[in-house]
Amino acid sequence: MADKMLKITLVKSPIGAVPKHRKTIETMGLRKVNKTILLPDNAATRGQIQQVGYLLKVEEA
């Protein structure tokens, strides 16, 4: 599981989101809508996705 990656795309603007959720999106490295990043599939990443999943599209890479 350590070598698996998740492809995460910001699909909805975090402008109207809860401030804590906006900070989480920024911490993940997502600055613009439709930007895609690769993050390791671990408990920390899964927790962030669970918190702000309504703004993201997640695929296994």
PDB file of N, CA and C in Angstrom:
ATOM      1  N   MET A   1       0.821  -1.199   0.000  1.00  0.00           N
ATOM      2  CA  MET A   1       0.000   0.000   0.000  1.00  0.00           C
ATOM      3  C   MET A   1       0.860   1.257   0.000  1.00  0.00           C
ATOM      4  N   ALA A   2       2.094   1.159   0.433  1.00  0.00           N
ATOM      5  CA  ALA A   2       2.954   2.329   0.531  1.00  0.00           C
ATOM      6  C   ALA A   2       3.295   2.912  -0.840  1.00  0.00           C
ATOM      7  N   ASP A   3       3.353   2.055  -1.873  1.00  0.00           N
ATOM      8  CA  ASP A   3       3.748   2.559  -3.183  1.00  0.00           C
ATOM      9  C   ASP A   3       2.552   2.977  -4.033  1.00  0.00           C
ATOM     10  N   LYS A   4       1.324   2.822  -3.537  1.00  0.00           N
ATOM     11  CA  LYS A   4       0.152   3.238  -4.291  1.00  0.00           C
ATOM     12  C   LYS A   4      -0.010   4.747  -4.190  1.00  0.00           C
ATOM     13  N   MET A   5      -0.498   5.319  -5.284  1.00  0.00           N
ATOM     14  CA  MET A   5      -0.701   6.760  -5.323  1.00  0.00           C
ATOM     15  C   MET A   5      -2.163   7.057  -5.652  1.00  0.00           C
ATOM     16  N   LEU A   6      -2.621   8.225  -5.225  1.00  0.00           N
ATOM     17  CA  LEU A   6      -3.959   8.698  -5.543  1.00  0.00           C
ATOM     18  C   LEU A   6      -3.857   9.940  -6.411  1.00  0.00           C
ATOM     19  N   LYS A   7      -4.642   9.975  -7.466  1.00  0.00           N
ATOM     20  CA  LYS A   7      -4.699  11.126  -8.362  1.00  0.00           C
ATOM     21  C   LYS A   7      -5.893  11.962  -7.900  1.00  0.00           C
ATOM     22  N   ILE A   8      -5.620  13.157  -7.408  1.00  0.00           N
ATOM     23  CA  ILE A   8      -6.656  13.994  -6.795  1.00  0.00           C
ATOM     24  C   ILE A   8      -6.805  15.284  -7.602  1.00  0.00           C
ATOM     25  N   THR A   9      -8.044  15.568  -7.997  1.00  0.00           N
ATOM     26  CA  THR A   9      -8.337  16.753  -8.794  1.00  0.00           C
ATOM     27  C   THR A   9      -9.338  17.628  -8.045  1.00  0.00           C
ATOM     28  N   LEU A  10      -9.060  18.929  -7.986  1.00  0.00           N
ATOM     29  CA  LEU A  10      -9.994  19.882  -7.383  1.00  0.00           C
ATOM     30  C   LEU A  10     -11.049  20.219  -8.431  1.00  0.00           C
ATOM     31  N   VAL A  11     -12.303  19.843  -8.186  1.00  0.00           N
ATOM     32  CA  VAL A  11     -13.352  20.043  -9.184  1.00  0.00           C
ATOM     33  C   VAL A  11     -14.347  21.143  -8.802  1.00  0.00           C
ATOM     34  N   LYS A  12     -14.318  21.576  -7.555  1.00  0.00           N
ATOM     35  CA  LYS A  12     -15.240  22.619  -7.106  1.00  0.00           C
ATOM     36  C   LYS A  12     -14.437  23.662  -6.334  1.00  0.00           C
ATOM     37  N   SER A  13     -14.764  24.925  -6.554  1.00  0.00           N
ATOM     38  CA  SER A  13     -14.055  26.000  -5.882  1.00  0.00           C
ATOM     39  C   SER A  13     -14.282  25.970  -4.376  1.00  0.00           C
ATOM     40  N   PRO A  14     -13.213  26.136  -3.599  1.00  0.00           N
ATOM     41  CA  PRO A  14     -13.362  26.145  -2.138  1.00  0.00           C
ATOM     42  C   PRO A  14     -13.751  27.509  -1.569  1.00  0.00           C
ATOM     43  N   ILE A  15     -14.127  28.460  -2.415  1.00  0.00           N
ATOM     44  CA  ILE A  15     -14.427  29.813  -1.947  1.00  0.00           C
ATOM     45  C   ILE A  15     -15.525  29.831  -0.880  1.00  0.00           C
ATOM     46  N   GLY A  16     -16.613  29.086  -1.087  1.00  0.00           N
ATOM     47  CA  GLY A  16     -17.720  29.105  -0.129  1.00  0.00           C
ATOM     48  C   GLY A  16     -17.597  28.059   0.970  1.00  0.00           C
ATOM     49  N   ALA A  17     -16.489  27.335   0.981  1.00  0.00           N
ATOM     50  CA  ALA A  17     -16.318  26.230   1.929  1.00  0.00           C
ATOM     51  C   ALA A  17     -15.940  26.753   3.322  1.00  0.00           C
ATOM     52  N   VAL A  18     -16.031  25.866   4.286  1.00  0.00           N
ATOM     53  CA  VAL A  18     -15.616  26.161   5.657  1.00  0.00           C
ATOM     54  C   VAL A  18     -14.129  26.536   5.640  1.00  0.00           C
ATOM     55  N   PRO A  19     -13.707  27.548   6.396  1.00  0.00           N
ATOM     56  CA  PRO A  19     -12.294  27.960   6.385  1.00  0.00           C
ATOM     57  C   PRO A  19     -11.306  26.817   6.642  1.00  0.00           C
ATOM     58  N   LYS A  20     -11.644  25.910   7.542  1.00  0.00           N
ATOM     59  CA  LYS A  20     -10.760  24.771   7.823  1.00  0.00           C
ATOM     60  C   LYS A  20     -10.608  23.891   6.575  1.00  0.00           C
ATOM     61  N   HIS A  21     -11.671  23.733   5.816  1.00  0.00           N
ATOM     62  CA  HIS A  21     -11.622  22.933   4.595  1.00  0.00           C
ATOM     63  C   HIS A  21     -10.780  23.628   3.528  1.00  0.00           C
ATOM     64  N   ARG A  22     -10.905  24.946   3.440  1.00  0.00           N
ATOM     65  CA  ARG A  22     -10.080  25.714   2.490  1.00  0.00           C
ATOM     66  C   ARG A  22      -8.604  25.513   2.796  1.00  0.00           C
ATOM     67  N   LYS A  23      -8.252  25.535   4.076  1.00  0.00           N
ATOM     68  CA  LYS A  23      -6.866  25.354   4.500  1.00  0.00           C
ATOM     69  C   LYS A  23      -6.382  23.943   4.147  1.00  0.00           C
ATOM     70  N   THR A  24      -7.247  22.955   4.322  1.00  0.00           N
ATOM     71  CA  THR A  24      -6.890  21.574   3.988  1.00  0.00           C
ATOM     72  C   THR A  24      -6.592  21.449   2.498  1.00  0.00           C
ATOM     73  N   ILE A  25      -7.427  22.060   1.658  1.00  0.00           N
ATOM     74  CA  ILE A  25      -7.220  22.019   0.199  1.00  0.00           C
ATOM     75  C   ILE A  25      -5.874  22.652  -0.143  1.00  0.00           C
ATOM     76  N   GLU A  26      -5.577  23.801   0.468  1.00  0.00           N
ATOM     77  CA  GLU A  26      -4.319  24.499   0.208  1.00  0.00           C
ATOM     78  C   GLU A  26      -3.126  23.663   0.671  1.00  0.00           C
ATOM     79  N   THR A  27      -3.257  23.018   1.819  1.00  0.00           N
ATOM     80  CA  THR A  27      -2.188  22.183   2.359  1.00  0.00           C
ATOM     81  C   THR A  27      -1.894  20.995   1.452  1.00  0.00           C
ATOM     82  N   MET A  28      -2.925  20.470   0.815  1.00  0.00           N
ATOM     83  CA  MET A  28      -2.745  19.340  -0.105  1.00  0.00           C
ATOM     84  C   MET A  28      -1.991  19.757  -1.369  1.00  0.00           C
ATOM     85  N   GLY A  29      -1.915  21.062  -1.616  1.00  0.00           N
ATOM     86  CA  GLY A  29      -1.192  21.545  -2.794  1.00  0.00           C
ATOM     87  C   GLY A  29      -2.104  21.915  -3.947  1.00  0.00           C
ATOM     88  N   LEU A  30      -3.391  21.991  -3.682  1.00  0.00           N
ATOM     89  CA  LEU A  30      -4.358  22.349  -4.729  1.00  0.00           C
ATOM     90  C   LEU A  30      -4.665  23.834  -4.637  1.00  0.00           C
ATOM     91  N   ARG A  31      -4.290  24.574  -5.659  1.00  0.00           N
ATOM     92  CA  ARG A  31      -4.483  26.024  -5.650  1.00  0.00           C
ATOM     93  C   ARG A  31      -5.579  26.472  -6.628  1.00  0.00           C
ATOM     94  N   LYS A  32      -5.795  25.736  -7.716  1.00  0.00           N
ATOM     95  CA  LYS A  32      -6.751  26.145  -8.744  1.00  0.00           C
ATOM     96  C   LYS A  32      -7.688  24.998  -9.083  1.00  0.00           C
ATOM     97  N   VAL A  33      -8.889  25.343  -9.539  1.00  0.00           N
ATOM     98  CA  VAL A  33      -9.850  24.344  -9.970  1.00  0.00           C
ATOM     99  C   VAL A  33      -9.289  23.594 -11.178  1.00  0.00           C
ATOM    100  N   ASN A  34      -9.534  22.299 -11.235  1.00  0.00           N
ATOM    101  CA  ASN A  34      -9.060  21.379 -12.279  1.00  0.00           C
ATOM    102  C   ASN A  34      -7.572  21.079 -12.191  1.00  0.00           C
ATOM    103  N   LYS A  35      -6.912  21.502 -11.126  1.00  0.00           N
ATOM    104  CA  LYS A  35      -5.514  21.121 -10.905  1.00  0.00           C
ATOM    105  C   LYS A  35      -5.492  19.711 -10.340  1.00  0.00           C
ATOM    106  N   THR A  36      -4.554  18.882 -10.821  1.00  0.00           N
ATOM    107  CA  THR A  36      -4.440  17.497 -10.381  1.00  0.00           C
ATOM    108  C   THR A  36      -3.088  17.277  -9.724  1.00  0.00           C
ATOM    109  N   ILE A  37      -3.097  16.527  -8.622  1.00  0.00           N
ATOM    110  CA  ILE A  37      -1.863  16.191  -7.917  1.00  0.00           C
ATOM    111  C   ILE A  37      -1.838  14.699  -7.629  1.00  0.00           C
ATOM    112  N   LEU A  38      -0.659  14.178  -7.362  1.00  0.00           N
ATOM    113  CA  LEU A  38      -0.490  12.793  -6.942  1.00  0.00           C
ATOM    114  C   LEU A  38      -0.035  12.787  -5.497  1.00  0.00           C
ATOM    115  N   LEU A  39      -0.757  12.066  -4.659  1.00  0.00           N
ATOM    116  CA  LEU A  39      -0.389  11.937  -3.252  1.00  0.00           C
ATOM    117  C   LEU A  39      -0.366  10.460  -2.888  1.00  0.00           C
ATOM    118  N   PRO A  40       0.468  10.071  -1.923  1.00  0.00           N
ATOM    119  CA  PRO A  40       0.517   8.662  -1.512  1.00  0.00           C
ATOM    120  C   PRO A  40      -0.803   8.240  -0.861  1.00  0.00           C
ATOM    121  N   ASP A  41      -1.158   6.985  -1.078  1.00  0.00           N
ATOM    122  CA  ASP A  41      -2.384   6.432  -0.508  1.00  0.00           C
ATOM    123  C   ASP A  41      -2.081   5.959   0.912  1.00  0.00           C
ATOM    124  N   ASN A  42      -2.225   6.877   1.873  1.00  0.00           N
ATOM    125  CA  ASN A  42      -1.998   6.523   3.283  1.00  0.00           C
ATOM    126  C   ASN A  42      -3.119   7.101   4.140  1.00  0.00           C
ATOM    127  N   ALA A  43      -3.062   6.834   5.420  1.00  0.00           N
ATOM    128  CA  ALA A  43      -4.135   7.242   6.330  1.00  0.00           C
ATOM    129  C   ALA A  43      -4.300   8.767   6.380  1.00  0.00           C
ATOM    130  N   ALA A  44      -3.199   9.507   6.351  1.00  0.00           N
ATOM    131  CA  ALA A  44      -3.277  10.968   6.420  1.00  0.00           C
ATOM    132  C   ALA A  44      -3.983  11.532   5.192  1.00  0.00           C
ATOM    133  N   THR A  45      -3.610  11.052   4.017  1.00  0.00           N
ATOM    134  CA  THR A  45      -4.236  11.517   2.780  1.00  0.00           C
ATOM    135  C   THR A  45      -5.709  11.138   2.745  1.00  0.00           C
ATOM    136  N   ARG A  46      -6.017   9.915   3.165  1.00  0.00           N
ATOM    137  CA  ARG A  46      -7.412   9.461   3.193  1.00  0.00           C
ATOM    138  C   ARG A  46      -8.246  10.324   4.140  1.00  0.00           C
ATOM    139  N   GLY A  47      -7.668  10.748   5.246  1.00  0.00           N
ATOM    140  CA  GLY A  47      -8.366  11.609   6.186  1.00  0.00           C
ATOM    141  C   GLY A  47      -8.669  12.973   5.591  1.00  0.00           C
ATOM    142  N   GLN A  48      -7.707  13.527   4.856  1.00  0.00           N
ATOM    143  CA  GLN A  48      -7.929  14.809   4.188  1.00  0.00           C
ATOM    144  C   GLN A  48      -9.022  14.674   3.136  1.00  0.00           C
ATOM    145  N   ILE A  49      -8.990  13.586   2.387  1.00  0.00           N
ATOM    146  CA  ILE A  49     -10.003  13.361   1.350  1.00  0.00           C
ATOM    147  C   ILE A  49     -11.384  13.216   1.975  1.00  0.00           C
ATOM    148  N   GLN A  50     -11.457  12.527   3.108  1.00  0.00           N
ATOM    149  CA  GLN A  50     -12.740  12.339   3.780  1.00  0.00           C
ATOM    150  C   GLN A  50     -13.316  13.683   4.234  1.00  0.00           C
ATOM    151  N   GLN A  51     -12.438  14.586   4.645  1.00  0.00           N
ATOM    152  CA  GLN A  51     -12.885  15.894   5.136  1.00  0.00           C
ATOM    153  C   GLN A  51     -13.398  16.783   4.005  1.00  0.00           C
ATOM    154  N   VAL A  52     -12.717  16.802   2.866  1.00  0.00           N
ATOM    155  CA  VAL A  52     -13.061  17.739   1.788  1.00  0.00           C
ATOM    156  C   VAL A  52     -13.414  17.014   0.490  1.00  0.00           C
ATOM    157  N   GLY A  53     -13.886  15.795   0.601  1.00  0.00           N
ATOM    158  CA  GLY A  53     -14.203  14.981  -0.569  1.00  0.00           C
ATOM    159  C   GLY A  53     -15.232  15.594  -1.498  1.00  0.00           C
ATOM    160  N   TYR A  54     -16.114  16.437  -0.971  1.00  0.00           N
ATOM    161  CA  TYR A  54     -17.150  17.058  -1.793  1.00  0.00           C
ATOM    162  C   TYR A  54     -16.580  18.082  -2.785  1.00  0.00           C
ATOM    163  N   LEU A  55     -15.295  18.432  -2.639  1.00  0.00           N
ATOM    164  CA  LEU A  55     -14.644  19.363  -3.556  1.00  0.00           C
ATOM    165  C   LEU A  55     -13.712  18.655  -4.542  1.00  0.00           C
ATOM    166  N   LEU A  56     -13.541  17.342  -4.372  1.00  0.00           N
ATOM    167  CA  LEU A  56     -12.495  16.616  -5.090  1.00  0.00           C
ATOM    168  C   LEU A  56     -13.038  15.493  -5.964  1.00  0.00           C
ATOM    169  N   LYS A  57     -12.207  15.102  -6.934  1.00  0.00           N
ATOM    170  CA  LYS A  57     -12.407  13.858  -7.672  1.00  0.00           C
ATOM    171  C   LYS A  57     -11.162  13.030  -7.394  1.00  0.00           C
ATOM    172  N   VAL A  58     -11.334  11.793  -6.924  1.00  0.00           N
ATOM    173  CA  VAL A  58     -10.207  10.954  -6.527  1.00  0.00           C
ATOM    174  C   VAL A  58     -10.191   9.693  -7.379  1.00  0.00           C
ATOM    175  N   GLU A  59      -9.006   9.377  -7.939  1.00  0.00           N
ATOM    176  CA  GLU A  59      -8.806   8.159  -8.716  1.00  0.00           C
ATOM    177  C   GLU A  59      -7.532   7.487  -8.253  1.00  0.00           C
ATOM    178  N   GLU A  60      -7.443   6.173  -8.454  1.00  0.00           N
ATOM    179  CA  GLU A  60      -6.194   5.476  -8.153  1.00  0.00           C
ATOM    180  C   GLU A  60      -5.272   5.644  -9.342  1.00  0.00           C
ATOM    181  N   ALA A  61      -4.014   5.984  -9.070  1.00  0.00           N
ATOM    182  CA  ALA A  61      -3.061   6.218 -10.159  1.00  0.00           C
ATOM    183  C   ALA A  61      -2.131   5.035 -10.317  1.00  0.00           C
TER     184      ALA A  61
END
